[in-house]
Amino acid sequence: MTQSVGESPDTVRVTVLVRADCRTCDRMALVVRAVCEEVGEDWETVDVDTSGADPELRGEFGDRVPVVLVDGEELASWRVEPDDLRRALT
Protein backbone atom coordinates (compact mmCIF):
# COMPACT_ATOMS: atom_id res chain seq x y z
CA MET A 1 0.00 0.00 0.00
CA THR A 2 1.39 3.39 -0.88
CA GLN A 3 0.95 6.01 1.79
CA SER A 4 1.18 9.74 1.48
CA VAL A 5 3.82 11.62 3.38
CA GLY A 6 2.40 12.52 6.76
CA GLU A 7 0.19 9.44 7.07
CA SER A 8 1.31 7.43 10.10
CA PRO A 9 5.05 7.96 9.52
CA ASP A 10 5.88 5.79 12.53
CA THR A 11 4.47 2.71 10.80
CA VAL A 12 6.08 3.17 7.38
CA ARG A 13 9.38 1.32 7.26
CA VAL A 14 10.09 1.67 3.53
CA THR A 15 10.47 4.96 1.68
CA VAL A 16 11.27 5.31 -2.00
CA LEU A 17 12.80 8.65 -2.94
CA VAL A 18 11.73 9.53 -6.48
CA ARG A 19 11.43 12.25 -9.10
CA ALA A 20 8.51 12.94 -11.41
CA ASP A 21 8.78 11.43 -14.90
CA CYS A 22 11.58 9.07 -13.86
CA ARG A 23 11.21 5.63 -15.43
CA THR A 24 13.91 4.17 -13.19
CA CYS A 25 11.97 5.47 -10.19
CA ASP A 26 8.80 3.84 -11.53
CA ARG A 27 10.56 0.49 -11.95
CA MET A 28 12.01 0.63 -8.44
CA ALA A 29 8.61 1.51 -6.97
CA LEU A 30 7.09 -1.54 -8.69
CA VAL A 31 9.64 -3.84 -7.04
CA VAL A 32 9.14 -2.19 -3.65
CA ARG A 33 5.35 -2.42 -3.94
CA ALA A 34 5.47 -6.12 -4.83
CA VAL A 35 7.82 -7.03 -1.97
CA CYS A 36 6.01 -4.87 0.59
CA GLU A 37 2.66 -6.38 -0.36
CA GLU A 38 4.20 -9.85 -0.07
CA VAL A 39 5.57 -9.27 3.43
CA GLY A 40 2.79 -7.00 4.68
CA GLU A 41 4.76 -3.77 5.08
CA ASP A 42 3.52 -0.27 4.31
CA TRP A 43 5.63 1.94 2.08
CA GLU A 44 5.66 5.47 0.75
CA THR A 45 7.15 7.52 -2.04
CA VAL A 46 8.67 10.94 -1.54
CA ASP A 47 9.39 13.18 -4.53
CA VAL A 48 12.60 14.99 -3.61
CA ASP A 49 11.89 17.80 -6.07
CA THR A 50 8.54 19.01 -4.72
CA SER A 51 8.37 22.28 -2.84
CA GLY A 52 7.37 20.50 0.36
CA ALA A 53 10.19 17.95 0.23
CA ASP A 54 12.78 17.85 2.99
CA PRO A 55 15.82 19.77 1.67
CA GLU A 56 18.11 17.46 3.64
CA LEU A 57 16.79 14.43 1.73
CA ARG A 58 17.33 16.24 -1.56
CA GLY A 59 20.82 17.31 -0.56
CA GLU A 60 21.88 13.88 0.65
CA PHE A 61 20.21 11.64 -1.94
CA GLY A 62 19.30 13.93 -4.87
CA ASP A 63 22.10 12.74 -7.16
CA ARG A 64 21.29 9.06 -6.55
CA VAL A 65 17.48 9.04 -6.89
CA PRO A 66 15.74 6.65 -6.91
CA VAL A 67 16.74 5.48 -3.45
CA VAL A 68 15.13 2.94 -1.12
CA LEU A 69 15.30 3.66 2.60
CA VAL A 70 14.38 1.01 5.17
CA ASP A 71 13.90 2.35 8.68
CA GLY A 72 15.57 5.57 7.50
CA GLU A 73 18.74 3.82 6.28
CA GLU A 74 19.73 3.61 2.62
CA LEU A 75 19.27 0.12 1.22
CA ALA A 76 19.68 0.74 -2.51
CA SER A 77 19.94 3.39 -5.18
CA TRP A 78 19.10 3.12 -8.88
CA ARG A 79 18.04 -0.53 -8.47
CA VAL A 80 16.81 -2.71 -5.65
CA GLU A 81 16.98 -6.49 -5.61
CA PRO A 82 13.79 -8.04 -4.24
CA ASP A 83 15.72 -10.49 -2.05
CA ASP A 84 17.76 -7.66 -0.51
CA LEU A 85 14.59 -5.80 0.40
CA ARG A 86 12.98 -8.96 1.83
CA ARG A 87 16.04 -9.57 4.02
CA ALA A 88 16.04 -5.98 5.24
CA LEU A 89 12.40 -6.28 6.26
CA THR A 90 12.77 -9.54 8.21
PDB file of N, CA and C in Angstrom:
ATOM      1  N   MET A   1       0.843  -1.170   0.000  1.00  0.00           N
ATOM      2  CA  MET A   1       0.000   0.000   0.000  1.00  0.00           C
ATOM      3  C   MET A   1       0.889   1.233   0.000  1.00  0.00           C
ATOM      4  N   THR A   2       0.645   2.149  -0.854  1.00  0.00           N
ATOM      5  CA  THR A   2       1.391   3.390  -0.877  1.00  0.00           C
ATOM      6  C   THR A   2       0.716   4.367   0.057  1.00  0.00           C
ATOM      7  N   GLN A   3       1.496   5.015   0.888  1.00  0.00           N
ATOM      8  CA  GLN A   3       0.955   6.010   1.788  1.00  0.00           C
ATOM      9  C   GLN A   3       1.498   7.363   1.412  1.00  0.00           C
ATOM     10  N   SER A   4       0.729   8.373   1.697  1.00  0.00           N
ATOM     11  CA  SER A   4       1.179   9.737   1.476  1.00  0.00           C
ATOM     12  C   SER A   4       2.082  10.148   2.618  1.00  0.00           C
ATOM     13  N   VAL A   5       2.965  11.087   2.338  1.00  0.00           N
ATOM     14  CA  VAL A   5       3.818  11.621   3.384  1.00  0.00           C
ATOM     15  C   VAL A   5       2.913  12.249   4.432  1.00  0.00           C
ATOM     16  N   GLY A   6       3.200  11.984   5.687  1.00  0.00           N
ATOM     17  CA  GLY A   6       2.405  12.524   6.761  1.00  0.00           C
ATOM     18  C   GLY A   6       1.374  11.550   7.290  1.00  0.00           C
ATOM     19  N   GLU A   7       1.144  10.445   6.614  1.00  0.00           N
ATOM     20  CA  GLU A   7       0.191   9.436   7.069  1.00  0.00           C
ATOM     21  C   GLU A   7       0.914   8.405   7.903  1.00  0.00           C
ATOM     22  N   SER A   8       0.720   8.407   9.192  1.00  0.00           N
ATOM     23  CA  SER A   8       1.308   7.429  10.097  1.00  0.00           C
ATOM     24  C   SER A   8       2.781   7.151   9.808  1.00  0.00           C
ATOM     25  N   PRO A   9       3.642   8.168   9.862  1.00  0.00           N
ATOM     26  CA  PRO A   9       5.046   7.963   9.515  1.00  0.00           C
ATOM     27  C   PRO A   9       5.748   6.953  10.404  1.00  0.00           C
ATOM     28  N   ASP A  10       5.244   6.740  11.626  1.00  0.00           N
ATOM     29  CA  ASP A  10       5.882   5.789  12.530  1.00  0.00           C
ATOM     30  C   ASP A  10       5.715   4.352  12.055  1.00  0.00           C
ATOM     31  N   THR A  11       4.709   4.079  11.229  1.00  0.00           N
ATOM     32  CA  THR A  11       4.466   2.712  10.803  1.00  0.00           C
ATOM     33  C   THR A  11       5.081   2.395   9.441  1.00  0.00           C
ATOM     34  N   VAL A  12       5.518   3.398   8.706  1.00  0.00           N
ATOM     35  CA  VAL A  12       6.076   3.175   7.377  1.00  0.00           C
ATOM     36  C   VAL A  12       7.567   2.910   7.501  1.00  0.00           C
ATOM     37  N   ARG A  13       7.966   1.698   7.152  1.00  0.00           N
ATOM     38  CA  ARG A  13       9.381   1.321   7.258  1.00  0.00           C
ATOM     39  C   ARG A  13      10.134   1.581   5.969  1.00  0.00           C
ATOM     40  N   VAL A  14       9.424   1.590   4.830  1.00  0.00           N
ATOM     41  CA  VAL A  14      10.087   1.671   3.532  1.00  0.00           C
ATOM     42  C   VAL A  14       9.684   2.969   2.841  1.00  0.00           C
ATOM     43  N   THR A  15      10.684   3.723   2.420  1.00  0.00           N
ATOM     44  CA  THR A  15      10.473   4.963   1.682  1.00  0.00           C
ATOM     45  C   THR A  15      11.259   4.878   0.384  1.00  0.00           C
ATOM     46  N   VAL A  16      10.602   5.241  -0.706  1.00  0.00           N
ATOM     47  CA  VAL A  16      11.269   5.307  -2.004  1.00  0.00           C
ATOM     48  C   VAL A  16      11.360   6.780  -2.386  1.00  0.00           C
ATOM     49  N   LEU A  17      12.577   7.278  -2.508  1.00  0.00           N
ATOM     50  CA  LEU A  17      12.801   8.653  -2.940  1.00  0.00           C
ATOM     51  C   LEU A  17      12.798   8.670  -4.458  1.00  0.00           C
ATOM     52  N   VAL A  18      11.955   9.534  -5.035  1.00  0.00           N
ATOM     53  CA  VAL A  18      11.735   9.533  -6.482  1.00  0.00           C
ATOM     54  C   VAL A  18      11.751  10.951  -7.033  1.00  0.00           C
ATOM     55  N   ARG A  19      11.647  11.019  -8.348  1.00  0.00           N
ATOM     56  CA  ARG A  19      11.434  12.253  -9.102  1.00  0.00           C
ATOM     57  C   ARG A  19      10.294  11.999 -10.075  1.00  0.00           C
ATOM     58  N   ALA A  20       9.574  13.048 -10.416  1.00  0.00           N
ATOM     59  CA  ALA A  20       8.513  12.939 -11.413  1.00  0.00           C
ATOM     60  C   ALA A  20       9.114  12.573 -12.770  1.00  0.00           C
ATOM     61  N   ASP A  21       8.374  11.812 -13.542  1.00  0.00           N
ATOM     62  CA  ASP A  21       8.778  11.429 -14.899  1.00  0.00           C
ATOM     63  C   ASP A  21      10.111  10.689 -14.939  1.00  0.00           C
ATOM     64  N   CYS A  22      10.346   9.850 -13.954  1.00  0.00           N
ATOM     65  CA  CYS A  22      11.582   9.068 -13.862  1.00  0.00           C
ATOM     66  C   CYS A  22      11.216   7.594 -14.029  1.00  0.00           C
ATOM     67  N   ARG A  23      11.558   7.032 -15.172  1.00  0.00           N
ATOM     68  CA  ARG A  23      11.210   5.633 -15.434  1.00  0.00           C
ATOM     69  C   ARG A  23      11.944   4.683 -14.493  1.00  0.00           C
ATOM     70  N   THR A  24      13.167   5.007 -14.139  1.00  0.00           N
ATOM     71  CA  THR A  24      13.907   4.173 -13.193  1.00  0.00           C
ATOM     72  C   THR A  24      13.209   4.193 -11.834  1.00  0.00           C
ATOM     73  N   CYS A  25      12.711   5.355 -11.442  1.00  0.00           N
ATOM     74  CA  CYS A  25      11.967   5.473 -10.186  1.00  0.00           C
ATOM     75  C   CYS A  25      10.707   4.604 -10.239  1.00  0.00           C
ATOM     76  N   ASP A  26      10.014   4.639 -11.366  1.00  0.00           N
ATOM     77  CA  ASP A  26       8.797   3.836 -11.528  1.00  0.00           C
ATOM     78  C   ASP A  26       9.105   2.350 -11.397  1.00  0.00           C
ATOM     79  N   ARG A  27      10.191   1.907 -12.024  1.00  0.00           N
ATOM     80  CA  ARG A  27      10.563   0.487 -11.948  1.00  0.00           C
ATOM     81  C   ARG A  27      10.911   0.084 -10.512  1.00  0.00           C
ATOM     82  N   MET A  28      11.646   0.950  -9.816  1.00  0.00           N
ATOM     83  CA  MET A  28      12.011   0.635  -8.445  1.00  0.00           C
ATOM     84  C   MET A  28      10.759   0.574  -7.570  1.00  0.00           C
ATOM     85  N   ALA A  29       9.838   1.497  -7.759  1.00  0.00           N
ATOM     86  CA  ALA A  29       8.609   1.510  -6.969  1.00  0.00           C
ATOM     87  C   ALA A  29       7.795   0.239  -7.191  1.00  0.00           C
ATOM     88  N   LEU A  30       7.806  -0.289  -8.414  1.00  0.00           N
ATOM     89  CA  LEU A  30       7.087  -1.541  -8.690  1.00  0.00           C
ATOM     90  C   LEU A  30       7.669  -2.703  -7.887  1.00  0.00           C
ATOM     91  N   VAL A  31       8.987  -2.781  -7.811  1.00  0.00           N
ATOM     92  CA  VAL A  31       9.640  -3.838  -7.038  1.00  0.00           C
ATOM     93  C   VAL A  31       9.309  -3.675  -5.563  1.00  0.00           C
ATOM     94  N   VAL A  32       9.414  -2.450  -5.060  1.00  0.00           N
ATOM     95  CA  VAL A  32       9.135  -2.193  -3.646  1.00  0.00           C
ATOM     96  C   VAL A  32       7.683  -2.528  -3.326  1.00  0.00           C
ATOM     97  N   ARG A  33       6.765  -2.120  -4.183  1.00  0.00           N
ATOM     98  CA  ARG A  33       5.355  -2.418  -3.940  1.00  0.00           C
ATOM     99  C   ARG A  33       5.118  -3.922  -3.857  1.00  0.00           C
ATOM    100  N   ALA A  34       5.676  -4.667  -4.805  1.00  0.00           N
ATOM    101  CA  ALA A  34       5.472  -6.122  -4.829  1.00  0.00           C
ATOM    102  C   ALA A  34       6.011  -6.779  -3.556  1.00  0.00           C
ATOM    103  N   VAL A  35       7.214  -6.416  -3.159  1.00  0.00           N
ATOM    104  CA  VAL A  35       7.818  -7.028  -1.972  1.00  0.00           C
ATOM    105  C   VAL A  35       7.065  -6.611  -0.713  1.00  0.00           C
ATOM    106  N   CYS A  36       6.720  -5.345  -0.605  1.00  0.00           N
ATOM    107  CA  CYS A  36       6.012  -4.874   0.593  1.00  0.00           C
ATOM    108  C   CYS A  36       4.631  -5.509   0.703  1.00  0.00           C
ATOM    109  N   GLU A  37       3.942  -5.693  -0.401  1.00  0.00           N
ATOM    110  CA  GLU A  37       2.656  -6.384  -0.363  1.00  0.00           C
ATOM    111  C   GLU A  37       2.849  -7.831   0.081  1.00  0.00           C
ATOM    112  N   GLU A  38       3.898  -8.456  -0.413  1.00  0.00           N
ATOM    113  CA  GLU A  38       4.197  -9.852  -0.071  1.00  0.00           C
ATOM    114  C   GLU A  38       4.455 -10.038   1.425  1.00  0.00           C
ATOM    115  N   VAL A  39       5.202  -9.107   2.024  1.00  0.00           N
ATOM    116  CA  VAL A  39       5.574  -9.265   3.433  1.00  0.00           C
ATOM    117  C   VAL A  39       4.680  -8.471   4.382  1.00  0.00           C
ATOM    118  N   GLY A  40       3.733  -7.726   3.839  1.00  0.00           N
ATOM    119  CA  GLY A  40       2.787  -7.005   4.682  1.00  0.00           C
ATOM    120  C   GLY A  40       3.314  -5.721   5.296  1.00  0.00           C
ATOM    121  N   GLU A  41       4.212  -5.045   4.600  1.00  0.00           N
ATOM    122  CA  GLU A  41       4.757  -3.769   5.085  1.00  0.00           C
ATOM    123  C   GLU A  41       4.157  -2.608   4.292  1.00  0.00           C
ATOM    124  N   ASP A  42       3.920  -1.491   4.985  1.00  0.00           N
ATOM    125  CA  ASP A  42       3.516  -0.267   4.310  1.00  0.00           C
ATOM    126  C   ASP A  42       4.746   0.398   3.718  1.00  0.00           C
ATOM    127  N   TRP A  43       4.522   1.215   2.702  1.00  0.00           N
ATOM    128  CA  TRP A  43       5.627   1.936   2.084  1.00  0.00           C
ATOM    129  C   TRP A  43       5.102   3.267   1.576  1.00  0.00           C
ATOM    130  N   GLU A  44       6.024   4.160   1.257  1.00  0.00           N
ATOM    131  CA  GLU A  44       5.658   5.473   0.750  1.00  0.00           C
ATOM    132  C   GLU A  44       6.665   5.913  -0.304  1.00  0.00           C
ATOM    133  N   THR A  45       6.231   6.858  -1.127  1.00  0.00           N
ATOM    134  CA  THR A  45       7.152   7.516  -2.043  1.00  0.00           C
ATOM    135  C   THR A  45       7.250   8.976  -1.623  1.00  0.00           C
ATOM    136  N   VAL A  46       8.436   9.537  -1.813  1.00  0.00           N
ATOM    137  CA  VAL A  46       8.672  10.942  -1.537  1.00  0.00           C
ATOM    138  C   VAL A  46       9.393  11.518  -2.749  1.00  0.00           C
ATOM    139  N   ASP A  47       8.766  12.496  -3.399  1.00  0.00           N
ATOM    140  CA  ASP A  47       9.386  13.179  -4.533  1.00  0.00           C
ATOM    141  C   ASP A  47      10.319  14.245  -3.974  1.00  0.00           C
ATOM    142  N   VAL A  48      11.604  14.080  -4.190  1.00  0.00           N
ATOM    143  CA  VAL A  48      12.599  14.988  -3.610  1.00  0.00           C
ATOM    144  C   VAL A  48      12.594  16.360  -4.255  1.00  0.00           C
ATOM    145  N   ASP A  49      11.885  16.520  -5.365  1.00  0.00           N
ATOM    146  CA  ASP A  49      11.886  17.798  -6.069  1.00  0.00           C
ATOM    147  C   ASP A  49      10.667  18.674  -5.775  1.00  0.00           C
ATOM    148  N   THR A  50       9.706  18.197  -5.005  1.00  0.00           N
ATOM    149  CA  THR A  50       8.535  19.013  -4.718  1.00  0.00           C
ATOM    150  C   THR A  50       8.887  20.102  -3.719  1.00  0.00           C
ATOM    151  N   SER A  51       8.093  21.141  -3.724  1.00  0.00           N
ATOM    152  CA  SER A  51       8.374  22.282  -2.845  1.00  0.00           C
ATOM    153  C   SER A  51       8.292  21.904  -1.370  1.00  0.00           C
ATOM    154  N   GLY A  52       7.495  20.907  -1.032  1.00  0.00           N
ATOM    155  CA  GLY A  52       7.369  20.496   0.362  1.00  0.00           C
ATOM    156  C   GLY A  52       8.356  19.439   0.799  1.00  0.00           C
ATOM    157  N   ALA A  53       9.234  19.013  -0.093  1.00  0.00           N
ATOM    158  CA  ALA A  53      10.189  17.952   0.234  1.00  0.00           C
ATOM    159  C   ALA A  53      11.251  18.452   1.213  1.00  0.00           C
ATOM    160  N   ASP A  54      11.725  17.554   2.023  1.00  0.00           N
ATOM    161  CA  ASP A  54      12.777  17.855   2.990  1.00  0.00           C
ATOM    162  C   ASP A  54      14.062  18.194   2.238  1.00  0.00           C
ATOM    163  N   PRO A  55      14.592  19.400   2.386  1.00  0.00           N
ATOM    164  CA  PRO A  55      15.816  19.775   1.670  1.00  0.00           C
ATOM    165  C   PRO A  55      17.015  18.909   2.043  1.00  0.00           C
ATOM    166  N   GLU A  56      17.004  18.343   3.248  1.00  0.00           N
ATOM    167  CA  GLU A  56      18.107  17.462   3.643  1.00  0.00           C
ATOM    168  C   GLU A  56      18.087  16.174   2.832  1.00  0.00           C
ATOM    169  N   LEU A  57      16.894  15.632   2.573  1.00  0.00           N
ATOM    170  CA  LEU A  57      16.794  14.435   1.728  1.00  0.00           C
ATOM    171  C   LEU A  57      17.311  14.731   0.331  1.00  0.00           C
ATOM    172  N   ARG A  58      16.883  15.857  -0.216  1.00  0.00           N
ATOM    173  CA  ARG A  58      17.326  16.240  -1.564  1.00  0.00           C
ATOM    174  C   ARG A  58      18.833  16.423  -1.605  1.00  0.00           C
ATOM    175  N   GLY A  59      19.383  17.076  -0.595  1.00  0.00           N
ATOM    176  CA  GLY A  59      20.819  17.306  -0.556  1.00  0.00           C
ATOM    177  C   GLY A  59      21.618  16.026  -0.426  1.00  0.00           C
ATOM    178  N   GLU A  60      21.132  15.115   0.406  1.00  0.00           N
ATOM    179  CA  GLU A  60      21.877  13.875   0.650  1.00  0.00           C
ATOM    180  C   GLU A  60      21.707  12.854  -0.469  1.00  0.00           C
ATOM    181  N   PHE A  61      20.495  12.724  -1.006  1.00  0.00           N
ATOM    182  CA  PHE A  61      20.206  11.641  -1.943  1.00  0.00           C
ATOM    183  C   PHE A  61      19.876  12.105  -3.358  1.00  0.00           C
ATOM    184  N   GLY A  62      19.770  13.400  -3.595  1.00  0.00           N
ATOM    185  CA  GLY A  62      19.297  13.929  -4.868  1.00  0.00           C
ATOM    186  C   GLY A  62      20.024  13.413  -6.098  1.00  0.00           C
ATOM    187  N   ASP A  63      21.326  13.216  -6.008  1.00  0.00           N
ATOM    188  CA  ASP A  63      22.097  12.741  -7.159  1.00  0.00           C
ATOM    189  C   ASP A  63      21.947  11.246  -7.393  1.00  0.00           C
ATOM    190  N   ARG A  64      21.377  10.522  -6.428  1.00  0.00           N
ATOM    191  CA  ARG A  64      21.293   9.062  -6.548  1.00  0.00           C
ATOM    192  C   ARG A  64      19.865   8.551  -6.688  1.00  0.00           C
ATOM    193  N   VAL A  65      18.892   9.439  -6.808  1.00  0.00           N
ATOM    194  CA  VAL A  65      17.482   9.043  -6.894  1.00  0.00           C
ATOM    195  C   VAL A  65      17.275   8.197  -8.135  1.00  0.00           C
ATOM    196  N   PRO A  66      16.552   7.090  -8.027  1.00  0.00           N
ATOM    197  CA  PRO A  66      15.745   6.652  -6.907  1.00  0.00           C
ATOM    198  C   PRO A  66      16.580   5.948  -5.836  1.00  0.00           C
ATOM    199  N   VAL A  67      16.082   6.078  -4.611  1.00  0.00           N
ATOM    200  CA  VAL A  67      16.737   5.484  -3.446  1.00  0.00           C
ATOM    201  C   VAL A  67      15.673   4.799  -2.603  1.00  0.00           C
ATOM    202  N   VAL A  68      16.014   3.627  -2.063  1.00  0.00           N
ATOM    203  CA  VAL A  68      15.130   2.941  -1.121  1.00  0.00           C
ATOM    204  C   VAL A  68      15.731   3.072   0.269  1.00  0.00           C
ATOM    205  N   LEU A  69      14.912   3.567   1.196  1.00  0.00           N
ATOM    206  CA  LEU A  69      15.296   3.655   2.598  1.00  0.00           C
ATOM    207  C   LEU A  69      14.453   2.660   3.382  1.00  0.00           C
ATOM    208  N   VAL A  70      15.091   1.912   4.266  1.00  0.00           N
ATOM    209  CA  VAL A  70      14.382   1.013   5.171  1.00  0.00           C
ATOM    210  C   VAL A  70      14.731   1.465   6.582  1.00  0.00           C
ATOM    211  N   ASP A  71      13.709   1.812   7.327  1.00  0.00           N
ATOM    212  CA  ASP A  71      13.898   2.353   8.678  1.00  0.00           C
ATOM    213  C   ASP A  71      14.854   3.541   8.665  1.00  0.00           C
ATOM    214  N   GLY A  72      14.766   4.361   7.611  1.00  0.00           N
ATOM    215  CA  GLY A  72      15.570   5.566   7.501  1.00  0.00           C
ATOM    216  C   GLY A  72      16.984   5.371   7.008  1.00  0.00           C
ATOM    217  N   GLU A  73      17.383   4.130   6.753  1.00  0.00           N
ATOM    218  CA  GLU A  73      18.737   3.825   6.278  1.00  0.00           C
ATOM    219  C   GLU A  73      18.700   3.447   4.803  1.00  0.00           C
ATOM    220  N   GLU A  74      19.680   3.916   4.045  1.00  0.00           N
ATOM    221  CA  GLU A  74      19.727   3.610   2.618  1.00  0.00           C
ATOM    222  C   GLU A  74      19.978   2.118   2.385  1.00  0.00           C
ATOM    223  N   LEU A  75      19.107   1.516   1.600  1.00  0.00           N
ATOM    224  CA  LEU A  75      19.274   0.116   1.215  1.00  0.00           C
ATOM    225  C   LEU A  75      19.809   0.016  -0.205  1.00  0.00           C
ATOM    226  N   ALA A  76      19.297   0.855  -1.105  1.00  0.00           N
ATOM    227  CA  ALA A  76      19.684   0.740  -2.512  1.00  0.00           C
ATOM    228  C   ALA A  76      19.442   2.059  -3.228  1.00  0.00           C
ATOM    229  N   SER A  77      20.215   2.282  -4.275  1.00  0.00           N
ATOM    230  CA  SER A  77      19.945   3.394  -5.183  1.00  0.00           C
ATOM    231  C   SER A  77      20.025   2.864  -6.607  1.00  0.00           C
ATOM    232  N   TRP A  78      19.230   3.458  -7.459  1.00  0.00           N
ATOM    233  CA  TRP A  78      19.096   3.117  -8.877  1.00  0.00           C
ATOM    234  C   TRP A  78      18.385   1.787  -9.100  1.00  0.00           C
ATOM    235  N   ARG A  79      18.674   0.775  -8.287  1.00  0.00           N
ATOM    236  CA  ARG A  79      18.042  -0.527  -8.474  1.00  0.00           C
ATOM    237  C   ARG A  79      18.020  -1.264  -7.136  1.00  0.00           C
ATOM    238  N   VAL A  80      16.907  -1.930  -6.874  1.00  0.00           N
ATOM    239  CA  VAL A  80      16.815  -2.714  -5.647  1.00  0.00           C
ATOM    240  C   VAL A  80      16.507  -4.155  -6.016  1.00  0.00           C
ATOM    241  N   GLU A  81      17.235  -5.061  -5.408  1.00  0.00           N
ATOM    242  CA  GLU A  81      16.979  -6.487  -5.613  1.00  0.00           C
ATOM    243  C   GLU A  81      15.893  -6.927  -4.635  1.00  0.00           C
ATOM    244  N   PRO A  82      14.871  -7.615  -5.124  1.00  0.00           N
ATOM    245  CA  PRO A  82      13.787  -8.044  -4.242  1.00  0.00           C
ATOM    246  C   PRO A  82      14.272  -8.813  -3.014  1.00  0.00           C
ATOM    247  N   ASP A  83      15.225  -9.703  -3.187  1.00  0.00           N
ATOM    248  CA  ASP A  83      15.719 -10.493  -2.054  1.00  0.00           C
ATOM    249  C   ASP A  83      16.412  -9.616  -1.013  1.00  0.00           C
ATOM    250  N   ASP A  84      17.120  -8.574  -1.462  1.00  0.00           N
ATOM    251  CA  ASP A  84      17.764  -7.656  -0.513  1.00  0.00           C
ATOM    252  C   ASP A  84      16.720  -6.925   0.322  1.00  0.00           C
ATOM    253  N   LEU A  85      15.642  -6.498  -0.323  1.00  0.00           N
ATOM    254  CA  LEU A  85      14.588  -5.804   0.403  1.00  0.00           C
ATOM    255  C   LEU A  85      13.881  -6.750   1.369  1.00  0.00           C
ATOM    256  N   ARG A  86      13.605  -7.971   0.933  1.00  0.00           N
ATOM    257  CA  ARG A  86      12.980  -8.957   1.826  1.00  0.00           C
ATOM    258  C   ARG A  86      13.828  -9.172   3.074  1.00  0.00           C
ATOM    259  N   ARG A  87      15.143  -9.361   2.883  1.00  0.00           N
ATOM    260  CA  ARG A  87      16.040  -9.575   4.019  1.00  0.00           C
ATOM    261  C   ARG A  87      16.042  -8.370   4.961  1.00  0.00           C
ATOM    262  N   ALA A  88      16.024  -7.185   4.405  1.00  0.00           N
ATOM    263  CA  ALA A  88      16.038  -5.980   5.237  1.00  0.00           C
ATOM    264  C   ALA A  88      14.763  -5.834   6.060  1.00  0.00           C
ATOM    265  N   LEU A  89      13.681  -6.412   5.579  1.00  0.00           N
ATOM    266  CA  LEU A  89      12.397  -6.283   6.258  1.00  0.00           C
ATOM    267  C   LEU A  89      12.118  -7.422   7.237  1.00  0.00           C
ATOM    268  N   THR A  90      12.994  -8.419   7.294  1.00  0.00           N
ATOM    269  CA  THR A  90      12.767  -9.540   8.212  1.00  0.00           C
ATOM    270  C   THR A  90      13.709  -9.477   9.393  1.00  0.00           C
TER     271      THR A  90
END
